[in-house]
Amino acid sequence: MKKTAPFLVYTVLRLLAFLVPLAILWFFFPIFREFWWLAAIFSALIGVSISMIFLRTPLTDASARLLERRESRTSGGQADADAEAEDDAIDGDARV
């Protein structure tokens, strides 16, 4: 079974951490229907707080996956070939 992408999981959880408080403020507090921008600000603050407290593990998983992908791309032979080409160019200039 294929494991779900941790970045996708983290993104969905962050969106829910914003949208659920926004819906609660919008539907249960009529003043926020008029001042929708205030509801958005409060929801953003609540969402950031929730994500900092409860979403540490998904963030760590997403960060680790991004690091693995970056290392797998840079560990290929292209970086070595670039370094050798630069060394040859420097050595060629030194001979002249």
C-alpha atoms as a PDB file:
ATOM      1  CA  MET A   1       0.000   0.000   0.000  1.00  0.00           C
ATOM      2  CA  LYS A   2       1.332   3.408  -0.944  1.00  0.00           C
ATOM      3  CA  LYS A   3       2.019   5.786   1.925  1.00  0.00           C
ATOM      4  CA  THR A   4       0.342   9.179   1.625  1.00  0.00           C
ATOM      5  CA  ALA A   5       2.552  12.157   0.980  1.00  0.00           C
ATOM      6  CA  PRO A   6       3.364  13.874   4.284  1.00  0.00           C
ATOM      7  CA  PHE A   7       3.333  17.299   2.675  1.00  0.00           C
ATOM      8  CA  LEU A   8      -0.230  16.710   1.461  1.00  0.00           C
ATOM      9  CA  VAL A   9      -1.322  15.545   4.909  1.00  0.00           C
ATOM     10  CA  TYR A  10       0.233  18.583   6.561  1.00  0.00           C
ATOM     11  CA  THR A  11      -1.358  20.944   4.035  1.00  0.00           C
ATOM     12  CA  VAL A  12      -4.819  19.469   4.531  1.00  0.00           C
ATOM     13  CA  LEU A  13      -4.490  19.636   8.311  1.00  0.00           C
ATOM     14  CA  ARG A  14      -3.340  23.273   8.140  1.00  0.00           C
ATOM     15  CA  LEU A  15      -6.293  24.163   5.922  1.00  0.00           C
ATOM     16  CA  LEU A  16      -8.665  22.478   8.354  1.00  0.00           C
ATOM     17  CA  ALA A  17      -7.047  24.341  11.246  1.00  0.00           C
ATOM     18  CA  PHE A  18      -8.012  27.557   9.462  1.00  0.00           C
ATOM     19  CA  LEU A  19     -11.375  26.643   7.914  1.00  0.00           C
ATOM     20  CA  VAL A  20     -12.993  25.027  10.957  1.00  0.00           C
ATOM     21  CA  PRO A  21     -12.538  28.084  13.221  1.00  0.00           C
ATOM     22  CA  LEU A  22     -13.635  30.307  10.335  1.00  0.00           C
ATOM     23  CA  ALA A  23     -16.845  28.316   9.931  1.00  0.00           C
ATOM     24  CA  ILE A  24     -17.490  28.350  13.679  1.00  0.00           C
ATOM     25  CA  LEU A  25     -16.988  32.105  13.888  1.00  0.00           C
ATOM     26  CA  TRP A  26     -19.070  32.694  10.780  1.00  0.00           C
ATOM     27  CA  PHE A  27     -22.082  30.567  11.738  1.00  0.00           C
ATOM     28  CA  PHE A  28     -22.277  30.974  15.522  1.00  0.00           C
ATOM     29  CA  PHE A  29     -21.335  34.637  15.918  1.00  0.00           C
ATOM     30  CA  PRO A  30     -23.461  36.896  13.715  1.00  0.00           C
ATOM     31  CA  ILE A  31     -21.172  39.910  14.139  1.00  0.00           C
ATOM     32  CA  PHE A  32     -18.486  38.112  12.129  1.00  0.00           C
ATOM     33  CA  ARG A  33     -20.814  37.880   9.138  1.00  0.00           C
ATOM     34  CA  GLU A  34     -20.590  41.628   8.843  1.00  0.00           C
ATOM     35  CA  PHE A  35     -16.892  41.844   9.725  1.00  0.00           C
ATOM     36  CA  TRP A  36     -15.684  38.879   7.682  1.00  0.00           C
ATOM     37  CA  TRP A  37     -12.122  40.192   7.616  1.00  0.00           C
ATOM     38  CA  LEU A  38     -12.006  40.089  11.415  1.00  0.00           C
ATOM     39  CA  ALA A  39     -13.201  36.492  11.361  1.00  0.00           C
ATOM     40  CA  ALA A  40     -10.451  35.675   8.870  1.00  0.00           C
ATOM     41  CA  ILE A  41      -7.802  37.277  11.089  1.00  0.00           C
ATOM     42  CA  PHE A  42      -8.999  35.442  14.195  1.00  0.00           C
ATOM     43  CA  SER A  43      -9.193  32.173  12.272  1.00  0.00           C
ATOM     44  CA  ALA A  44      -5.658  32.636  11.008  1.00  0.00           C
ATOM     45  CA  LEU A  45      -4.391  33.241  14.537  1.00  0.00           C
ATOM     46  CA  ILE A  46      -6.279  30.226  15.868  1.00  0.00           C
ATOM     47  CA  GLY A  47      -5.030  28.098  12.973  1.00  0.00           C
ATOM     48  CA  VAL A  48      -1.410  29.070  13.566  1.00  0.00           C
ATOM     49  CA  SER A  49      -1.776  28.299  17.264  1.00  0.00           C
ATOM     50  CA  ILE A  50      -3.346  24.918  16.571  1.00  0.00           C
ATOM     51  CA  SER A  51      -0.689  24.010  14.045  1.00  0.00           C
ATOM     52  CA  MET A  52       2.154  24.996  16.369  1.00  0.00           C
ATOM     53  CA  ILE A  53       0.726  22.935  19.223  1.00  0.00           C
ATOM     54  CA  PHE A  54      -0.752  19.876  17.523  1.00  0.00           C
ATOM     55  CA  LEU A  55       0.840  19.547  14.071  1.00  0.00           C
ATOM     56  CA  ARG A  56       4.504  19.210  15.047  1.00  0.00           C
ATOM     57  CA  THR A  57       4.732  15.567  13.922  1.00  0.00           C
ATOM     58  CA  PRO A  58       3.216  16.087  10.435  1.00  0.00           C
ATOM     59  CA  LEU A  59       5.491  19.097   9.941  1.00  0.00           C
ATOM     60  CA  THR A  60       8.528  17.030  10.915  1.00  0.00           C
ATOM     61  CA  ASP A  61       7.496  14.243   8.531  1.00  0.00           C
ATOM     62  CA  ALA A  62       6.952  16.689   5.665  1.00  0.00           C
ATOM     63  CA  SER A  63      10.295  18.382   6.318  1.00  0.00           C
ATOM     64  CA  ALA A  64      12.113  15.050   6.443  1.00  0.00           C
ATOM     65  CA  ARG A  65      10.534  13.966   3.148  1.00  0.00           C
ATOM     66  CA  LEU A  66      11.543  17.232   1.464  1.00  0.00           C
ATOM     67  CA  LEU A  67      15.096  16.794   2.762  1.00  0.00           C
ATOM     68  CA  GLU A  68      15.232  13.232   1.414  1.00  0.00           C
ATOM     69  CA  ARG A  69      14.056  14.375  -2.001  1.00  0.00           C
ATOM     70  CA  ARG A  70      16.581  17.207  -2.088  1.00  0.00           C
ATOM     71  CA  GLU A  71      19.467  14.954  -1.061  1.00  0.00           C
ATOM     72  CA  SER A  72      18.519  12.322  -3.628  1.00  0.00           C
ATOM     73  CA  ARG A  73      18.583  14.948  -6.384  1.00  0.00           C
ATOM     74  CA  THR A  74      21.920  16.471  -5.407  1.00  0.00           C
ATOM     75  CA  SER A  75      23.698  13.206  -4.640  1.00  0.00           C
ATOM     76  CA  GLY A  76      23.656  12.196  -8.313  1.00  0.00           C
ATOM     77  CA  GLY A  77      26.595  12.384 -10.687  1.00  0.00           C
ATOM     78  CA  GLN A  78      25.650  15.849 -11.958  1.00  0.00           C
ATOM     79  CA  ALA A  79      27.148  17.593  -8.931  1.00  0.00           C
ATOM     80  CA  ASP A  80      30.408  15.681  -9.334  1.00  0.00           C
ATOM     81  CA  ALA A  81      30.570  16.475 -13.049  1.00  0.00           C
ATOM     82  CA  ASP A  82      29.980  20.168 -12.335  1.00  0.00           C
ATOM     83  CA  ALA A  83      32.730  20.212  -9.718  1.00  0.00           C
ATOM     84  CA  GLU A  84      35.158  18.513 -12.082  1.00  0.00           C
ATOM     85  CA  ALA A  85      34.335  20.956 -14.881  1.00  0.00           C
ATOM     86  CA  GLU A  86      34.952  23.881 -12.558  1.00  0.00           C
ATOM     87  CA  ASP A  87      38.258  22.386 -11.404  1.00  0.00           C
ATOM     88  CA  ASP A  88      39.351  21.871 -15.022  1.00  0.00           C
ATOM     89  CA  ALA A  89      38.414  25.465 -15.882  1.00  0.00           C
ATOM     90  CA  ILE A  90      40.402  26.807 -12.922  1.00  0.00           C
ATOM     91  CA  ASP A  91      43.407  24.619 -13.738  1.00  0.00           C
ATOM     92  CA  GLY A  92      43.265  25.724 -17.384  1.00  0.00           C
ATOM     93  CA  ASP A  93      43.375  29.380 -16.334  1.00  0.00           C
ATOM     94  CA  ALA A  94      46.323  28.729 -14.017  1.00  0.00           C
ATOM     95  CA  ARG A  95      48.385  27.199 -16.850  1.00  0.00           C
ATOM     96  CA  VAL A  96      48.013  30.249 -19.078  1.00  0.00           C
END
